Amino acid sequence: MTPARDEEILEIDPTMLKIRELEAFEELLGCSFDEAFGPGQPKTKALRALATVVKRRIDPGFSMDDAGDLIVKTVEKGPDPTSASGS
């Protein structure tokens, strides 16, 4: 399915966050990053918070409410080509 023209796709690599962004994420949710994305936890609010802190890089006034209109695409890393096993 192709997104509508006015929908913004935000590509996020969760391994490339600044410490201050992780702190902001945890403040928004009131729990640690590991807890927020842990097994059995609902992920939508965590994705919204993650999108919020990443968008605040260019728009400091971006809110959790604003993030609800984004399409989030997480970056998936392939095997590490520098490791002996490729993983």
N, C-alpha and C. Protein backbone atom coordinates (compact mmCIF):
# COMPACT_ATOMS: atom_id res chain seq x y z
N MET A 1 0.84 -1.18 0.00
CA MET A 1 0.00 0.00 0.00
C MET A 1 0.90 1.25 0.00
N THR A 2 0.65 2.15 -0.88
CA THR A 2 1.40 3.39 -0.99
C THR A 2 0.73 4.47 -0.15
N PRO A 3 1.51 5.22 0.67
CA PRO A 3 0.91 6.27 1.50
C PRO A 3 0.37 7.41 0.64
N ALA A 4 -0.62 8.10 1.17
CA ALA A 4 -1.17 9.28 0.49
C ALA A 4 -0.07 10.33 0.38
N ARG A 5 -0.22 11.24 -0.56
CA ARG A 5 0.80 12.26 -0.82
C ARG A 5 1.15 13.11 0.40
N ASP A 6 0.18 13.45 1.20
CA ASP A 6 0.44 14.36 2.32
C ASP A 6 0.90 13.64 3.58
N GLU A 7 1.01 12.31 3.53
CA GLU A 7 1.47 11.57 4.70
C GLU A 7 2.99 11.54 4.70
N GLU A 8 3.56 11.81 5.85
CA GLU A 8 5.01 11.81 5.98
C GLU A 8 5.48 10.47 6.51
N ILE A 9 6.50 9.92 5.87
CA ILE A 9 7.11 8.69 6.35
C ILE A 9 8.38 9.07 7.09
N LEU A 10 8.48 8.66 8.33
CA LEU A 10 9.64 8.95 9.16
C LEU A 10 10.42 7.66 9.32
N GLU A 11 11.66 7.65 8.84
CA GLU A 11 12.52 6.48 8.95
C GLU A 11 13.37 6.64 10.20
N ILE A 12 13.31 5.64 11.07
CA ILE A 12 14.01 5.72 12.36
C ILE A 12 14.93 4.53 12.54
N ASP A 13 16.16 4.81 12.92
CA ASP A 13 17.10 3.77 13.32
C ASP A 13 17.25 3.88 14.83
N PRO A 14 16.58 3.00 15.59
CA PRO A 14 16.61 3.11 17.06
C PRO A 14 18.00 2.96 17.66
N THR A 15 18.97 2.49 16.88
CA THR A 15 20.33 2.34 17.40
C THR A 15 21.13 3.63 17.24
N MET A 16 20.55 4.65 16.61
CA MET A 16 21.27 5.90 16.34
C MET A 16 20.63 7.09 17.06
N LEU A 17 20.31 6.92 18.33
CA LEU A 17 19.71 7.99 19.12
C LEU A 17 20.74 8.60 20.05
N LYS A 18 20.64 9.89 20.23
CA LYS A 18 21.50 10.59 21.18
C LYS A 18 21.02 10.26 22.59
N ILE A 19 21.93 10.38 23.55
CA ILE A 19 21.57 10.12 24.94
C ILE A 19 20.43 11.03 25.37
N ARG A 20 20.48 12.31 24.98
CA ARG A 20 19.40 13.24 25.37
C ARG A 20 18.06 12.81 24.76
N GLU A 21 18.10 12.19 23.57
CA GLU A 21 16.86 11.72 22.94
C GLU A 21 16.31 10.51 23.70
N LEU A 22 17.20 9.63 24.15
CA LEU A 22 16.74 8.49 24.96
C LEU A 22 16.14 8.97 26.28
N GLU A 23 16.77 9.99 26.87
CA GLU A 23 16.22 10.56 28.11
C GLU A 23 14.84 11.16 27.86
N ALA A 24 14.70 11.90 26.76
CA ALA A 24 13.41 12.50 26.44
C ALA A 24 12.35 11.42 26.19
N PHE A 25 12.74 10.36 25.50
CA PHE A 25 11.84 9.23 25.26
C PHE A 25 11.34 8.66 26.58
N GLU A 26 12.28 8.40 27.50
CA GLU A 26 11.92 7.82 28.79
C GLU A 26 11.06 8.77 29.62
N GLU A 27 11.31 10.07 29.51
CA GLU A 27 10.48 11.05 30.22
C GLU A 27 9.06 11.07 29.66
N LEU A 28 8.93 10.98 28.34
CA LEU A 28 7.61 10.98 27.72
C LEU A 28 6.78 9.77 28.16
N LEU A 29 7.44 8.62 28.30
CA LEU A 29 6.71 7.39 28.63
C LEU A 29 6.71 7.04 30.11
N GLY A 30 7.68 7.56 30.84
CA GLY A 30 7.76 7.22 32.26
C GLY A 30 8.32 5.83 32.51
N CYS A 31 9.07 5.29 31.54
CA CYS A 31 9.71 3.99 31.72
C CYS A 31 10.95 3.93 30.84
N SER A 32 11.76 2.91 31.02
CA SER A 32 12.98 2.78 30.23
C SER A 32 12.67 2.33 28.80
N PHE A 33 13.65 2.53 27.93
CA PHE A 33 13.52 2.10 26.53
C PHE A 33 13.28 0.60 26.46
N ASP A 34 14.05 -0.16 27.25
CA ASP A 34 13.89 -1.62 27.26
C ASP A 34 12.50 -2.04 27.71
N GLU A 35 11.98 -1.38 28.74
CA GLU A 35 10.63 -1.69 29.21
C GLU A 35 9.59 -1.37 28.15
N ALA A 36 9.75 -0.21 27.51
CA ALA A 36 8.76 0.24 26.52
C ALA A 36 8.65 -0.72 25.35
N PHE A 37 9.76 -1.32 24.94
CA PHE A 37 9.75 -2.23 23.80
C PHE A 37 9.92 -3.68 24.22
N GLY A 38 9.69 -3.96 25.51
CA GLY A 38 9.83 -5.32 26.02
C GLY A 38 8.71 -6.24 25.55
N PRO A 39 8.92 -7.54 25.72
CA PRO A 39 7.92 -8.52 25.31
C PRO A 39 6.59 -8.28 26.01
N GLY A 40 5.53 -8.36 25.25
CA GLY A 40 4.19 -8.21 25.79
C GLY A 40 3.73 -6.78 26.02
N GLN A 41 4.60 -5.81 25.74
CA GLN A 41 4.23 -4.40 25.94
C GLN A 41 3.59 -3.84 24.67
N PRO A 42 2.56 -3.00 24.81
CA PRO A 42 1.99 -2.35 23.62
C PRO A 42 3.04 -1.40 23.03
N LYS A 43 3.20 -1.45 21.74
CA LYS A 43 4.29 -0.71 21.10
C LYS A 43 3.88 0.64 20.51
N THR A 44 2.60 0.89 20.35
CA THR A 44 2.18 2.10 19.64
C THR A 44 2.58 3.39 20.36
N LYS A 45 2.41 3.44 21.67
CA LYS A 45 2.77 4.65 22.40
C LYS A 45 4.29 4.84 22.38
N ALA A 46 5.03 3.74 22.44
CA ALA A 46 6.48 3.82 22.38
C ALA A 46 6.93 4.31 21.01
N LEU A 47 6.30 3.85 19.95
CA LEU A 47 6.63 4.33 18.60
C LEU A 47 6.31 5.81 18.46
N ARG A 48 5.20 6.23 19.05
CA ARG A 48 4.82 7.65 19.00
C ARG A 48 5.87 8.50 19.72
N ALA A 49 6.33 8.05 20.88
CA ALA A 49 7.35 8.78 21.63
C ALA A 49 8.68 8.79 20.87
N LEU A 50 9.04 7.68 20.26
CA LEU A 50 10.26 7.60 19.48
C LEU A 50 10.22 8.56 18.30
N ALA A 51 9.10 8.57 17.59
CA ALA A 51 8.93 9.50 16.47
C ALA A 51 9.00 10.95 16.94
N THR A 52 8.43 11.23 18.09
CA THR A 52 8.44 12.59 18.64
C THR A 52 9.85 13.08 18.89
N VAL A 53 10.67 12.27 19.56
CA VAL A 53 12.02 12.73 19.87
C VAL A 53 12.87 12.87 18.60
N VAL A 54 12.66 12.02 17.62
CA VAL A 54 13.42 12.13 16.37
C VAL A 54 12.98 13.37 15.59
N LYS A 55 11.69 13.64 15.51
CA LYS A 55 11.19 14.82 14.80
C LYS A 55 11.62 16.12 15.48
N ARG A 56 11.83 16.08 16.80
CA ARG A 56 12.26 17.27 17.52
C ARG A 56 13.67 17.70 17.15
N ARG A 57 14.40 16.87 16.40
CA ARG A 57 15.72 17.27 15.91
C ARG A 57 15.58 18.49 15.00
N ILE A 58 14.52 18.54 14.22
CA ILE A 58 14.32 19.65 13.29
C ILE A 58 13.17 20.57 13.67
N ASP A 59 12.28 20.09 14.55
CA ASP A 59 11.13 20.89 14.99
C ASP A 59 10.95 20.72 16.50
N PRO A 60 11.60 21.59 17.31
CA PRO A 60 11.54 21.45 18.77
C PRO A 60 10.13 21.47 19.35
N GLY A 61 9.17 22.02 18.63
CA GLY A 61 7.80 22.09 19.13
C GLY A 61 6.96 20.88 18.75
N PHE A 62 7.55 19.88 18.10
CA PHE A 62 6.80 18.70 17.66
C PHE A 62 6.29 17.96 18.89
N SER A 63 5.03 17.54 18.85
CA SER A 63 4.41 16.92 20.02
C SER A 63 4.05 15.45 19.78
N MET A 64 3.74 14.78 20.88
CA MET A 64 3.27 13.39 20.80
C MET A 64 1.99 13.34 19.95
N ASP A 65 1.15 14.35 20.08
CA ASP A 65 -0.08 14.40 19.29
C ASP A 65 0.25 14.50 17.81
N ASP A 66 1.22 15.34 17.46
CA ASP A 66 1.65 15.49 16.07
C ASP A 66 2.13 14.16 15.49
N ALA A 67 2.80 13.37 16.31
CA ALA A 67 3.39 12.11 15.85
C ALA A 67 2.33 11.10 15.42
N GLY A 68 1.12 11.28 15.87
CA GLY A 68 0.06 10.34 15.51
C GLY A 68 -0.26 10.32 14.03
N ASP A 69 0.15 11.34 13.29
CA ASP A 69 -0.12 11.42 11.86
C ASP A 69 1.03 10.91 11.00
N LEU A 70 2.10 10.44 11.62
CA LEU A 70 3.25 9.96 10.86
C LEU A 70 3.14 8.48 10.54
N ILE A 71 3.78 8.10 9.46
CA ILE A 71 4.01 6.69 9.16
C ILE A 71 5.45 6.44 9.59
N VAL A 72 5.66 5.46 10.47
CA VAL A 72 6.99 5.18 10.98
C VAL A 72 7.53 3.93 10.32
N LYS A 73 8.76 4.07 9.82
CA LYS A 73 9.46 2.93 9.22
C LYS A 73 10.75 2.77 10.00
N THR A 74 10.89 1.64 10.70
CA THR A 74 12.13 1.41 11.42
C THR A 74 13.14 0.80 10.47
N VAL A 75 14.38 1.21 10.63
CA VAL A 75 15.46 0.71 9.80
C VAL A 75 15.89 -0.63 10.34
N GLU A 76 15.93 -1.62 9.47
CA GLU A 76 16.38 -2.94 9.88
C GLU A 76 17.78 -3.16 9.37
N LYS A 77 18.65 -3.53 10.29
CA LYS A 77 20.05 -3.78 9.93
C LYS A 77 20.19 -5.20 9.43
N GLY A 78 20.97 -5.37 8.38
CA GLY A 78 21.29 -6.69 7.89
C GLY A 78 22.44 -7.28 8.69
N PRO A 79 22.91 -8.46 8.29
CA PRO A 79 24.06 -9.06 8.99
C PRO A 79 25.28 -8.16 8.89
N ASP A 80 26.10 -8.18 9.92
CA ASP A 80 27.31 -7.38 9.94
C ASP A 80 28.36 -8.04 9.03
N PRO A 81 28.69 -7.38 7.91
CA PRO A 81 29.62 -8.00 6.97
C PRO A 81 31.05 -8.07 7.50
N THR A 82 31.35 -7.38 8.62
CA THR A 82 32.69 -7.41 9.17
C THR A 82 32.90 -8.53 10.18
N SER A 83 31.81 -9.21 10.56
CA SER A 83 31.95 -10.28 11.54
C SER A 83 32.20 -11.60 10.82
N ALA A 84 32.85 -12.51 11.52
CA ALA A 84 33.19 -13.81 10.93
C ALA A 84 31.96 -14.61 10.55
N SER A 85 30.91 -14.53 11.38
CA SER A 85 29.72 -15.31 11.11
C SER A 85 28.70 -14.56 10.27
N GLY A 86 28.92 -13.25 10.05
CA GLY A 86 27.98 -12.46 9.28
C GLY A 86 26.80 -11.98 10.07
N SER A 87 26.85 -12.11 11.42
CA SER A 87 25.76 -11.63 12.27
C SER A 87 26.27 -10.82 13.42
